[in-house]
Every structure is written in C-alpha cells, then in structure tokens.
Amino acid sequence: QLDHNKLTSLPRKMFSSLGALRRFYLNNNKLVSIPREIGNLRALTELRVQSNKLSSIPREIGDLKTLEKLDLRDNLLVSVPRKIGDLKAAGCYLYN
C-alpha cells in the first residue's frame, strides 16, 4: 500500500519487478500520471488510484485481464481508454 504518501510520480523501473503483485493501492496521493508499464502487472486483481490528479490513464490498463476492481474516483479524468470497456465486459468493477 502506498496510500497517503504525496507521491507525484511512479518510477517506471518498479513495474518490472512487481509482476506477481495482486493489489496496488495508490489512493490519496498527487499522481498526475500512471506509467504505461502498469500493463506489465499481469497478476493484478485490484488497482485503486482514488483521489489523485490523474487527467488520463494509459490504455495498457486494458491489458490487465485479471483486474476485478479499478477505482478511479476523484481524479481529473476527461476520458478513459476504450480498452477499459473490455475490462468491464470481463466482469471488472469500475468505480468512477
């Protein structure tokens, strides 16, 4: 859990060593973006990025076929990638 840490960014390198990560909590930070390398987290079942400063999310999130919960509430999102629709169709619950 990396909630409430005032993070503004995430190092891209960290995603190469987190392939088995199942839950990723990044709520209540100051993230303005999520690196596209998030798509490497193939075991991820839950991603929570509530209450950040995200204006967009990478389309690679749509590659996370095991994702069951995606929390995007309280951000500055203007739109989300079409691939998010694939996740919803597969049963992923989208909090928005």
PDB file of N, CA and C in Angstrom:
ATOM      1  N   GLN A   1       0.822  -1.184   0.000  1.00  0.00           N
ATOM      2  CA  GLN A   1       0.000   0.000   0.000  1.00  0.00           C
ATOM      3  C   GLN A   1       0.863   1.243   0.000  1.00  0.00           C
ATOM      4  N   LEU A   2       0.537   2.140  -0.910  1.00  0.00           N
ATOM      5  CA  LEU A   2       1.257   3.408  -0.995  1.00  0.00           C
ATOM      6  C   LEU A   2       0.299   4.584  -0.862  1.00  0.00           C
ATOM      7  N   ASP A   3      -0.779   4.374  -0.131  1.00  0.00           N
ATOM      8  CA  ASP A   3      -1.760   5.429   0.097  1.00  0.00           C
ATOM      9  C   ASP A   3      -1.164   6.545   0.951  1.00  0.00           C
ATOM     10  N   HIS A   4      -1.663   7.765   0.732  1.00  0.00           N
ATOM     11  CA  HIS A   4      -1.345   8.929   1.580  1.00  0.00           C
ATOM     12  C   HIS A   4       0.157   9.202   1.684  1.00  0.00           C
ATOM     13  N   ASN A   5       0.850   9.170   0.575  1.00  0.00           N
ATOM     14  CA  ASN A   5       2.299   9.424   0.607  1.00  0.00           C
ATOM     15  C   ASN A   5       2.726  10.641  -0.195  1.00  0.00           C
ATOM     16  N   LYS A   6       1.782  11.402  -0.717  1.00  0.00           N
ATOM     17  CA  LYS A   6       2.076  12.601  -1.507  1.00  0.00           C
ATOM     18  C   LYS A   6       2.922  12.295  -2.744  1.00  0.00           C
ATOM     19  N   LEU A   7       2.787  11.083  -3.271  1.00  0.00           N
ATOM     20  CA  LEU A   7       3.534  10.705  -4.470  1.00  0.00           C
ATOM     21  C   LEU A   7       3.044  11.509  -5.667  1.00  0.00           C
ATOM     22  N   THR A   8       3.971  12.007  -6.459  1.00  0.00           N
ATOM     23  CA  THR A   8       3.604  12.733  -7.674  1.00  0.00           C
ATOM     24  C   THR A   8       3.875  11.905  -8.930  1.00  0.00           C
ATOM     25  N   SER A   9       4.701  10.879  -8.796  1.00  0.00           N
ATOM     26  CA  SER A   9       5.001  10.010  -9.938  1.00  0.00           C
ATOM     27  C   SER A   9       5.445   8.635  -9.433  1.00  0.00           C
ATOM     28  N   LEU A  10       5.458   7.697 -10.360  1.00  0.00           N
ATOM     29  CA  LEU A  10       5.913   6.336 -10.058  1.00  0.00           C
ATOM     30  C   LEU A  10       7.054   5.996 -11.004  1.00  0.00           C
ATOM     31  N   PRO A  11       8.164   5.477 -10.478  1.00  0.00           N
ATOM     32  CA  PRO A  11       9.282   5.120 -11.355  1.00  0.00           C
ATOM     33  C   PRO A  11       8.917   3.937 -12.251  1.00  0.00           C
ATOM     34  N   ARG A  12       9.189   4.067 -13.528  1.00  0.00           N
ATOM     35  CA  ARG A  12       8.855   3.016 -14.496  1.00  0.00           C
ATOM     36  C   ARG A  12       9.560   1.706 -14.192  1.00  0.00           C
ATOM     37  N   LYS A  13      10.748   1.780 -13.659  1.00  0.00           N
ATOM     38  CA  LYS A  13      11.529   0.570 -13.366  1.00  0.00           C
ATOM     39  C   LYS A  13      10.833  -0.338 -12.351  1.00  0.00           C
ATOM     40  N   MET A  14      10.069   0.240 -11.459  1.00  0.00           N
ATOM     41  CA  MET A  14       9.461  -0.554 -10.392  1.00  0.00           C
ATOM     42  C   MET A  14       8.500  -1.600 -10.943  1.00  0.00           C
ATOM     43  N   PHE A  15       7.903  -1.360 -12.091  1.00  0.00           N
ATOM     44  CA  PHE A  15       6.906  -2.269 -12.637  1.00  0.00           C
ATOM     45  C   PHE A  15       7.502  -3.574 -13.154  1.00  0.00           C
ATOM     46  N   SER A  16       8.780  -3.561 -13.479  1.00  0.00           N
ATOM     47  CA  SER A  16       9.413  -4.786 -13.987  1.00  0.00           C
ATOM     48  C   SER A  16       9.630  -5.815 -12.882  1.00  0.00           C
ATOM     49  N   SER A  17       9.650  -5.379 -11.633  1.00  0.00           N
ATOM     50  CA  SER A  17       9.888  -6.316 -10.536  1.00  0.00           C
ATOM     51  C   SER A  17       8.620  -6.646  -9.739  1.00  0.00           C
ATOM     52  N   LEU A  18       7.463  -6.181 -10.210  1.00  0.00           N
ATOM     53  CA  LEU A  18       6.222  -6.385  -9.465  1.00  0.00           C
ATOM     54  C   LEU A  18       5.225  -7.276 -10.217  1.00  0.00           C
ATOM     55  N   GLY A  19       5.710  -8.132 -11.074  1.00  0.00           N
ATOM     56  CA  GLY A  19       4.842  -8.953 -11.911  1.00  0.00           C
ATOM     57  C   GLY A  19       3.844  -9.815 -11.161  1.00  0.00           C
ATOM     58  N   ALA A  20       4.125 -10.197  -9.929  1.00  0.00           N
ATOM     59  CA  ALA A  20       3.228 -11.058  -9.156  1.00  0.00           C
ATOM     60  C   ALA A  20       2.290 -10.259  -8.248  1.00  0.00           C
ATOM     61  N   LEU A  21       2.400  -8.933  -8.280  1.00  0.00           N
ATOM     62  CA  LEU A  21       1.573  -8.084  -7.423  1.00  0.00           C
ATOM     63  C   LEU A  21       0.093  -8.269  -7.748  1.00  0.00           C
ATOM     64  N   ARG A  22      -0.724  -8.449  -6.717  1.00  0.00           N
ATOM     65  CA  ARG A  22      -2.162  -8.672  -6.918  1.00  0.00           C
ATOM     66  C   ARG A  22      -2.996  -7.434  -6.593  1.00  0.00           C
ATOM     67  N   ARG A  23      -2.599  -6.672  -5.597  1.00  0.00           N
ATOM     68  CA  ARG A  23      -3.349  -5.473  -5.211  1.00  0.00           C
ATOM     69  C   ARG A  23      -2.389  -4.286  -5.135  1.00  0.00           C
ATOM     70  N   PHE A  24      -2.816  -3.175  -5.722  1.00  0.00           N
ATOM     71  CA  PHE A  24      -1.978  -1.979  -5.761  1.00  0.00           C
ATOM     72  C   PHE A  24      -2.838  -0.802  -5.317  1.00  0.00           C
ATOM     73  N   TYR A  25      -2.523  -0.251  -4.148  1.00  0.00           N
ATOM     74  CA  TYR A  25      -3.287   0.853  -3.576  1.00  0.00           C
ATOM     75  C   TYR A  25      -2.458   2.133  -3.625  1.00  0.00           C
ATOM     76  N   LEU A  26      -2.948   3.092  -4.369  1.00  0.00           N
ATOM     77  CA  LEU A  26      -2.257   4.365  -4.549  1.00  0.00           C
ATOM     78  C   LEU A  26      -3.184   5.547  -4.257  1.00  0.00           C
ATOM     79  N   ASN A  27      -4.170   5.337  -3.421  1.00  0.00           N
ATOM     80  CA  ASN A  27      -5.156   6.370  -3.114  1.00  0.00           C
ATOM     81  C   ASN A  27      -4.535   7.561  -2.396  1.00  0.00           C
ATOM     82  N   ASN A  28      -5.159   8.727  -2.595  1.00  0.00           N
ATOM     83  CA  ASN A  28      -4.803   9.938  -1.851  1.00  0.00           C
ATOM     84  C   ASN A  28      -3.341  10.315  -1.955  1.00  0.00           C
ATOM     85  N   ASN A  29      -2.863  10.362  -3.165  1.00  0.00           N
ATOM     86  CA  ASN A  29      -1.536  10.883  -3.453  1.00  0.00           C
ATOM     87  C   ASN A  29      -1.714  12.093  -4.362  1.00  0.00           C
ATOM     88  N   LYS A  30      -0.688  12.428  -5.106  1.00  0.00           N
ATOM     89  CA  LYS A  30      -0.758  13.559  -6.035  1.00  0.00           C
ATOM     90  C   LYS A  30      -0.288  13.125  -7.421  1.00  0.00           C
ATOM     91  N   LEU A  31      -0.589  11.889  -7.761  1.00  0.00           N
ATOM     92  CA  LEU A  31      -0.156  11.349  -9.052  1.00  0.00           C
ATOM     93  C   LEU A  31      -0.844  12.076 -10.202  1.00  0.00           C
ATOM     94  N   VAL A  32      -0.050  12.479 -11.182  1.00  0.00           N
ATOM     95  CA  VAL A  32      -0.608  13.121 -12.370  1.00  0.00           C
ATOM     96  C   VAL A  32      -0.663  12.152 -13.550  1.00  0.00           C
ATOM     97  N   SER A  33       0.053  11.037 -13.422  1.00  0.00           N
ATOM     98  CA  SER A  33       0.019  10.023 -14.482  1.00  0.00           C
ATOM     99  C   SER A  33       0.400   8.663 -13.908  1.00  0.00           C
ATOM    100  N   ILE A  34       0.043   7.648 -14.676  1.00  0.00           N
ATOM    101  CA  ILE A  34       0.436   6.274 -14.366  1.00  0.00           C
ATOM    102  C   ILE A  34       1.249   5.790 -15.557  1.00  0.00           C
ATOM    103  N   PRO A  35       2.451   5.291 -15.338  1.00  0.00           N
ATOM    104  CA  PRO A  35       3.257   4.824 -16.461  1.00  0.00           C
ATOM    105  C   PRO A  35       2.578   3.681 -17.222  1.00  0.00           C
ATOM    106  N   ARG A  36       2.804   3.634 -18.524  1.00  0.00           N
ATOM    107  CA  ARG A  36       2.197   2.578 -19.346  1.00  0.00           C
ATOM    108  C   ARG A  36       2.697   1.199 -18.955  1.00  0.00           C
ATOM    109  N   GLU A  37       3.806   1.146 -18.241  1.00  0.00           N
ATOM    110  CA  GLU A  37       4.348  -0.125 -17.760  1.00  0.00           C
ATOM    111  C   GLU A  37       3.425  -0.821 -16.764  1.00  0.00           C
ATOM    112  N   ILE A  38       2.386  -0.138 -16.333  1.00  0.00           N
ATOM    113  CA  ILE A  38       1.395  -0.772 -15.456  1.00  0.00           C
ATOM    114  C   ILE A  38       0.827  -2.017 -16.133  1.00  0.00           C
ATOM    115  N   GLY A  39       0.840  -2.039 -17.442  1.00  0.00           N
ATOM    116  CA  GLY A  39       0.350  -3.186 -18.195  1.00  0.00           C
ATOM    117  C   GLY A  39       1.158  -4.448 -17.970  1.00  0.00           C
ATOM    118  N   ASN A  40       2.337  -4.323 -17.359  1.00  0.00           N
ATOM    119  CA  ASN A  40       3.182  -5.487 -17.057  1.00  0.00           C
ATOM    120  C   ASN A  40       2.723  -6.232 -15.808  1.00  0.00           C
ATOM    121  N   LEU A  41       1.811  -5.665 -15.055  1.00  0.00           N
ATOM    122  CA  LEU A  41       1.367  -6.282 -13.803  1.00  0.00           C
ATOM    123  C   LEU A  41       0.233  -7.265 -14.092  1.00  0.00           C
ATOM    124  N   ARG A  42       0.545  -8.342 -14.750  1.00  0.00           N
ATOM    125  CA  ARG A  42      -0.440  -9.293 -15.284  1.00  0.00           C
ATOM    126  C   ARG A  42      -1.229 -10.056 -14.212  1.00  0.00           C
ATOM    127  N   ALA A  43      -0.768 -10.061 -12.963  1.00  0.00           N
ATOM    128  CA  ALA A  43      -1.489 -10.765 -11.896  1.00  0.00           C
ATOM    129  C   ALA A  43      -2.403  -9.828 -11.104  1.00  0.00           C
ATOM    130  N   LEU A  44      -2.396  -8.548 -11.456  1.00  0.00           N
ATOM    131  CA  LEU A  44      -3.131  -7.544 -10.690  1.00  0.00           C
ATOM    132  C   LEU A  44      -4.638  -7.799 -10.723  1.00  0.00           C
ATOM    133  N   THR A  45      -5.257  -7.843  -9.544  1.00  0.00           N
ATOM    134  CA  THR A  45      -6.710  -8.023  -9.451  1.00  0.00           C
ATOM    135  C   THR A  45      -7.402  -6.746  -8.981  1.00  0.00           C
ATOM    136  N   GLU A  46      -6.645  -5.852  -8.345  1.00  0.00           N
ATOM    137  CA  GLU A  46      -7.252  -4.637  -7.806  1.00  0.00           C
ATOM    138  C   GLU A  46      -6.285  -3.469  -7.932  1.00  0.00           C
ATOM    139  N   LEU A  47      -6.758  -2.388  -8.537  1.00  0.00           N
ATOM    140  CA  LEU A  47      -5.974  -1.168  -8.677  1.00  0.00           C
ATOM    141  C   LEU A  47      -6.812  -0.010  -8.177  1.00  0.00           C
ATOM    142  N   ARG A  48      -6.320   0.651  -7.149  1.00  0.00           N
ATOM    143  CA  ARG A  48      -7.045   1.785  -6.558  1.00  0.00           C
ATOM    144  C   ARG A  48      -6.173   3.031  -6.641  1.00  0.00           C
ATOM    145  N   VAL A  49      -6.637   3.997  -7.409  1.00  0.00           N
ATOM    146  CA  VAL A  49      -5.930   5.271  -7.576  1.00  0.00           C
ATOM    147  C   VAL A  49      -6.869   6.440  -7.287  1.00  0.00           C
ATOM    148  N   GLN A  50      -7.752   6.248  -6.321  1.00  0.00           N
ATOM    149  CA  GLN A  50      -8.720   7.268  -5.946  1.00  0.00           C
ATOM    150  C   GLN A  50      -8.023   8.499  -5.384  1.00  0.00           C
ATOM    151  N   SER A  51      -8.581   9.664  -5.664  1.00  0.00           N
ATOM    152  CA  SER A  51      -8.137  10.941  -5.078  1.00  0.00           C
ATOM    153  C   SER A  51      -6.682  11.255  -5.407  1.00  0.00           C
ATOM    154  N   ASN A  52      -6.407  11.306  -6.691  1.00  0.00           N
ATOM    155  CA  ASN A  52      -5.120  11.768  -7.190  1.00  0.00           C
ATOM    156  C   ASN A  52      -5.395  12.928  -8.138  1.00  0.00           C
ATOM    157  N   LYS A  53      -4.483  13.208  -9.033  1.00  0.00           N
ATOM    158  CA  LYS A  53      -4.639  14.294 -10.001  1.00  0.00           C
ATOM    159  C   LYS A  53      -4.501  13.772 -11.429  1.00  0.00           C
ATOM    160  N   LEU A  54      -4.978  12.558 -11.644  1.00  0.00           N
ATOM    161  CA  LEU A  54      -4.867  11.930 -12.956  1.00  0.00           C
ATOM    162  C   LEU A  54      -5.816  12.579 -13.951  1.00  0.00           C
ATOM    163  N   SER A  55      -5.276  12.986 -15.100  1.00  0.00           N
ATOM    164  CA  SER A  55      -6.125  13.521 -16.163  1.00  0.00           C
ATOM    165  C   SER A  55      -6.367  12.467 -17.237  1.00  0.00           C
ATOM    166  N   SER A  56      -5.552  11.427 -17.229  1.00  0.00           N
ATOM    167  CA  SER A  56      -5.721  10.313 -18.166  1.00  0.00           C
ATOM    168  C   SER A  56      -5.114   9.065 -17.541  1.00  0.00           C
ATOM    169  N   ILE A  57      -5.451   7.941 -18.122  1.00  0.00           N
ATOM    170  CA  ILE A  57      -4.836   6.686 -17.704  1.00  0.00           C
ATOM    171  C   ILE A  57      -4.356   5.966 -18.955  1.00  0.00           C
ATOM    172  N   PRO A  58      -3.287   5.207 -18.846  1.00  0.00           N
ATOM    173  CA  PRO A  58      -2.746   4.556 -20.044  1.00  0.00           C
ATOM    174  C   PRO A  58      -3.652   3.443 -20.549  1.00  0.00           C
ATOM    175  N   ARG A  59      -3.686   3.281 -21.857  1.00  0.00           N
ATOM    176  CA  ARG A  59      -4.524   2.232 -22.462  1.00  0.00           C
ATOM    177  C   ARG A  59      -4.062   0.845 -22.046  1.00  0.00           C
ATOM    178  N   GLU A  60      -2.819   0.716 -21.616  1.00  0.00           N
ATOM    179  CA  GLU A  60      -2.281  -0.576 -21.187  1.00  0.00           C
ATOM    180  C   GLU A  60      -3.027  -1.161 -19.989  1.00  0.00           C
ATOM    181  N   ILE A  61      -3.754  -0.339 -19.254  1.00  0.00           N
ATOM    182  CA  ILE A  61      -4.561  -0.865 -18.148  1.00  0.00           C
ATOM    183  C   ILE A  61      -5.567  -1.875 -18.697  1.00  0.00           C
ATOM    184  N   GLY A  62      -5.995  -1.677 -19.913  1.00  0.00           N
ATOM    185  CA  GLY A  62      -6.924  -2.606 -20.543  1.00  0.00           C
ATOM    186  C   GLY A  62      -6.335  -3.979 -20.795  1.00  0.00           C
ATOM    187  N   ASP A  63      -5.008  -4.118 -20.690  1.00  0.00           N
ATOM    188  CA  ASP A  63      -4.337  -5.407 -20.875  1.00  0.00           C
ATOM    189  C   ASP A  63      -4.347  -6.254 -19.607  1.00  0.00           C
ATOM    190  N   LEU A  64      -4.808  -5.689 -18.511  1.00  0.00           N
ATOM    191  CA  LEU A  64      -4.794  -6.379 -17.222  1.00  0.00           C
ATOM    192  C   LEU A  64      -6.020  -7.276 -17.117  1.00  0.00           C
ATOM    193  N   LYS A  65      -5.973  -8.417 -17.723  1.00  0.00           N
ATOM    194  CA  LYS A  65      -7.125  -9.312 -17.858  1.00  0.00           C
ATOM    195  C   LYS A  65      -7.605  -9.898 -16.530  1.00  0.00           C
ATOM    196  N   THR A  66      -6.763  -9.883 -15.502  1.00  0.00           N
ATOM    197  CA  THR A  66      -7.173 -10.426 -14.199  1.00  0.00           C
ATOM    198  C   THR A  66      -7.775  -9.350 -13.291  1.00  0.00           C
ATOM    199  N   LEU A  67      -7.797  -8.099 -13.762  1.00  0.00           N
ATOM    200  CA  LEU A  67      -8.282  -6.993 -12.944  1.00  0.00           C
ATOM    201  C   LEU A  67      -9.771  -7.147 -12.647  1.00  0.00           C
ATOM    202  N   GLU A  68     -10.112  -7.099 -11.361  1.00  0.00           N
ATOM    203  CA  GLU A  68     -11.504  -7.235 -10.918  1.00  0.00           C
ATOM    204  C   GLU A  68     -12.068  -5.927 -10.393  1.00  0.00           C
ATOM    205  N   LYS A  69     -11.197  -5.065  -9.845  1.00  0.00           N
ATOM    206  CA  LYS A  69     -11.640  -3.785  -9.291  1.00  0.00           C
ATOM    207  C   LYS A  69     -10.677  -2.687  -9.735  1.00  0.00           C
ATOM    208  N   LEU A  70     -11.253  -1.618 -10.260  1.00  0.00           N
ATOM    209  CA  LEU A  70     -10.483  -0.458 -10.695  1.00  0.00           C
ATOM    210  C   LEU A  70     -11.168   0.777 -10.138  1.00  0.00           C
ATOM    211  N   ASP A  71     -10.496   1.491  -9.246  1.00  0.00           N
ATOM    212  CA  ASP A  71     -11.073   2.663  -8.601  1.00  0.00           C
ATOM    213  C   ASP A  71     -10.395   3.920  -9.123  1.00  0.00           C
ATOM    214  N   LEU A  72     -11.142   4.702  -9.888  1.00  0.00           N
ATOM    215  CA  LEU A  72     -10.626   5.932 -10.488  1.00  0.00           C
ATOM    216  C   LEU A  72     -11.312   7.178  -9.926  1.00  0.00           C
ATOM    217  N   ARG A  73     -12.061   7.041  -8.882  1.00  0.00           N
ATOM    218  CA  ARG A  73     -12.836   8.170  -8.345  1.00  0.00           C
ATOM    219  C   ARG A  73     -11.953   9.342  -7.933  1.00  0.00           C
ATOM    220  N   ASP A  74     -12.555  10.514  -7.996  1.00  0.00           N
ATOM    221  CA  ASP A  74     -11.929  11.752  -7.506  1.00  0.00           C
ATOM    222  C   ASP A  74     -10.586  12.045  -8.161  1.00  0.00           C
ATOM    223  N   ASN A  75     -10.585  12.000  -9.471  1.00  0.00           N
ATOM    224  CA  ASN A  75      -9.434  12.403 -10.260  1.00  0.00           C
ATOM    225  C   ASN A  75      -9.898  13.470 -11.244  1.00  0.00           C
ATOM    226  N   LEU A  76      -9.051  13.844 -12.163  1.00  0.00           N
ATOM    227  CA  LEU A  76      -9.367  14.880 -13.144  1.00  0.00           C
ATOM    228  C   LEU A  76      -9.533  14.273 -14.531  1.00  0.00           C
ATOM    229  N   LEU A  77     -10.030  13.054 -14.585  1.00  0.00           N
ATOM    230  CA  LEU A  77     -10.128  12.333 -15.852  1.00  0.00           C
ATOM    231  C   LEU A  77     -11.123  12.991 -16.807  1.00  0.00           C
ATOM    232  N   VAL A  78     -10.659  13.180 -18.029  1.00  0.00           N
ATOM    233  CA  VAL A  78     -11.502  13.721 -19.083  1.00  0.00           C
ATOM    234  C   VAL A  78     -12.120  12.571 -19.871  1.00  0.00           C
ATOM    235  N   SER A  79     -11.347  11.524 -20.058  1.00  0.00           N
ATOM    236  CA  SER A  79     -11.824  10.329 -20.756  1.00  0.00           C
ATOM    237  C   SER A  79     -11.001   9.131 -20.292  1.00  0.00           C
ATOM    238  N   VAL A  80     -11.479   7.962 -20.628  1.00  0.00           N
ATOM    239  CA  VAL A  80     -10.743   6.733 -20.327  1.00  0.00           C
ATOM    240  C   VAL A  80     -10.574   5.959 -21.628  1.00  0.00           C
ATOM    241  N   PRO A  81      -9.525   5.153 -21.731  1.00  0.00           N
ATOM    242  CA  PRO A  81      -9.297   4.389 -22.960  1.00  0.00           C
ATOM    243  C   PRO A  81     -10.431   3.402 -23.244  1.00  0.00           C
ATOM    244  N   ARG A  82     -10.680   3.155 -24.507  1.00  0.00           N
ATOM    245  CA  ARG A  82     -11.717   2.204 -24.909  1.00  0.00           C
ATOM    246  C   ARG A  82     -11.493   0.818 -24.323  1.00  0.00           C
ATOM    247  N   LYS A  83     -10.235   0.451 -24.130  1.00  0.00           N
ATOM    248  CA  LYS A  83      -9.923  -0.882 -23.603  1.00  0.00           C
ATOM    249  C   LYS A  83     -10.509  -1.112 -22.209  1.00  0.00           C
ATOM    250  N   ILE A  84     -10.834  -0.037 -21.511  1.00  0.00           N
ATOM    251  CA  ILE A  84     -11.466  -0.173 -20.204  1.00  0.00           C
ATOM    252  C   ILE A  84     -12.798  -0.902 -20.362  1.00  0.00           C
ATOM    253  N   GLY A  85     -13.460  -0.680 -21.476  1.00  0.00           N
ATOM    254  CA  GLY A  85     -14.711  -1.372 -21.749  1.00  0.00           C
ATOM    255  C   GLY A  85     -14.536  -2.878 -21.796  1.00  0.00           C
ATOM    256  N   ASP A  86     -13.383  -3.347 -22.266  1.00  0.00           N
ATOM    257  CA  ASP A  86     -13.098  -4.783 -22.282  1.00  0.00           C
ATOM    258  C   ASP A  86     -13.030  -5.332 -20.867  1.00  0.00           C
ATOM    259  N   LEU A  87     -12.473  -4.557 -19.950  1.00  0.00           N
ATOM    260  CA  LEU A  87     -12.377  -4.988 -18.561  1.00  0.00           C
ATOM    261  C   LEU A  87     -13.765  -5.099 -17.943  1.00  0.00           C
ATOM    262  N   LYS A  88     -14.611  -4.107 -18.198  1.00  0.00           N
ATOM    263  CA  LYS A  88     -15.974  -4.153 -17.661  1.00  0.00           C
ATOM    264  C   LYS A  88     -16.728  -5.353 -18.214  1.00  0.00           C
ATOM    265  N   ALA A  89     -16.546  -5.618 -19.495  1.00  0.00           N
ATOM    266  CA  ALA A  89     -17.229  -6.748 -20.122  1.00  0.00           C
ATOM    267  C   ALA A  89     -16.761  -8.070 -19.506  1.00  0.00           C
ATOM    268  N   ALA A  90     -15.518  -8.098 -19.042  1.00  0.00           N
ATOM    269  CA  ALA A  90     -14.965  -9.309 -18.437  1.00  0.00           C
ATOM    270  C   ALA A  90     -15.325  -9.426 -16.958  1.00  0.00           C
ATOM    271  N   GLY A  91     -16.058  -8.446 -16.425  1.00  0.00           N
ATOM    272  CA  GLY A  91     -16.504  -8.527 -15.037  1.00  0.00           C
ATOM    273  C   GLY A  91     -15.769  -7.610 -14.077  1.00  0.00           C
ATOM    274  N   CYS A  92     -14.896  -6.751 -14.577  1.00  0.00           N
ATOM    275  CA  CYS A  92     -14.177  -5.812 -13.702  1.00  0.00           C
ATOM    276  C   CYS A  92     -15.144  -4.728 -13.224  1.00  0.00           C
ATOM    277  N   TYR A  93     -15.151  -4.452 -11.936  1.00  0.00           N
ATOM    278  CA  TYR A  93     -15.994  -3.409 -11.378  1.00  0.00           C
ATOM    279  C   TYR A  93     -15.239  -2.093 -11.419  1.00  0.00           C
ATOM    280  N   LEU A  94     -15.805  -1.121 -12.106  1.00  0.00           N
ATOM    281  CA  LEU A  94     -15.173   0.181 -12.268  1.00  0.00           C
ATOM    282  C   LEU A  94     -15.821   1.191 -11.341  1.00  0.00           C
ATOM    283  N   TYR A  95     -15.049   1.737 -10.423  1.00  0.00           N
ATOM    284  CA  TYR A  95     -15.510   2.814  -9.558  1.00  0.00           C
ATOM    285  C   TYR A  95     -15.109   4.107 -10.246  1.00  0.00           C
ATOM    286  N   ASN A  96     -16.068   4.929 -10.571  1.00  0.00           N
ATOM    287  CA  ASN A  96     -15.739   6.186 -11.238  1.00  0.00           C
ATOM    288  C   ASN A  96     -16.680   7.276 -10.793  1.00  0.00           C
TER     289      ASN A  96
END
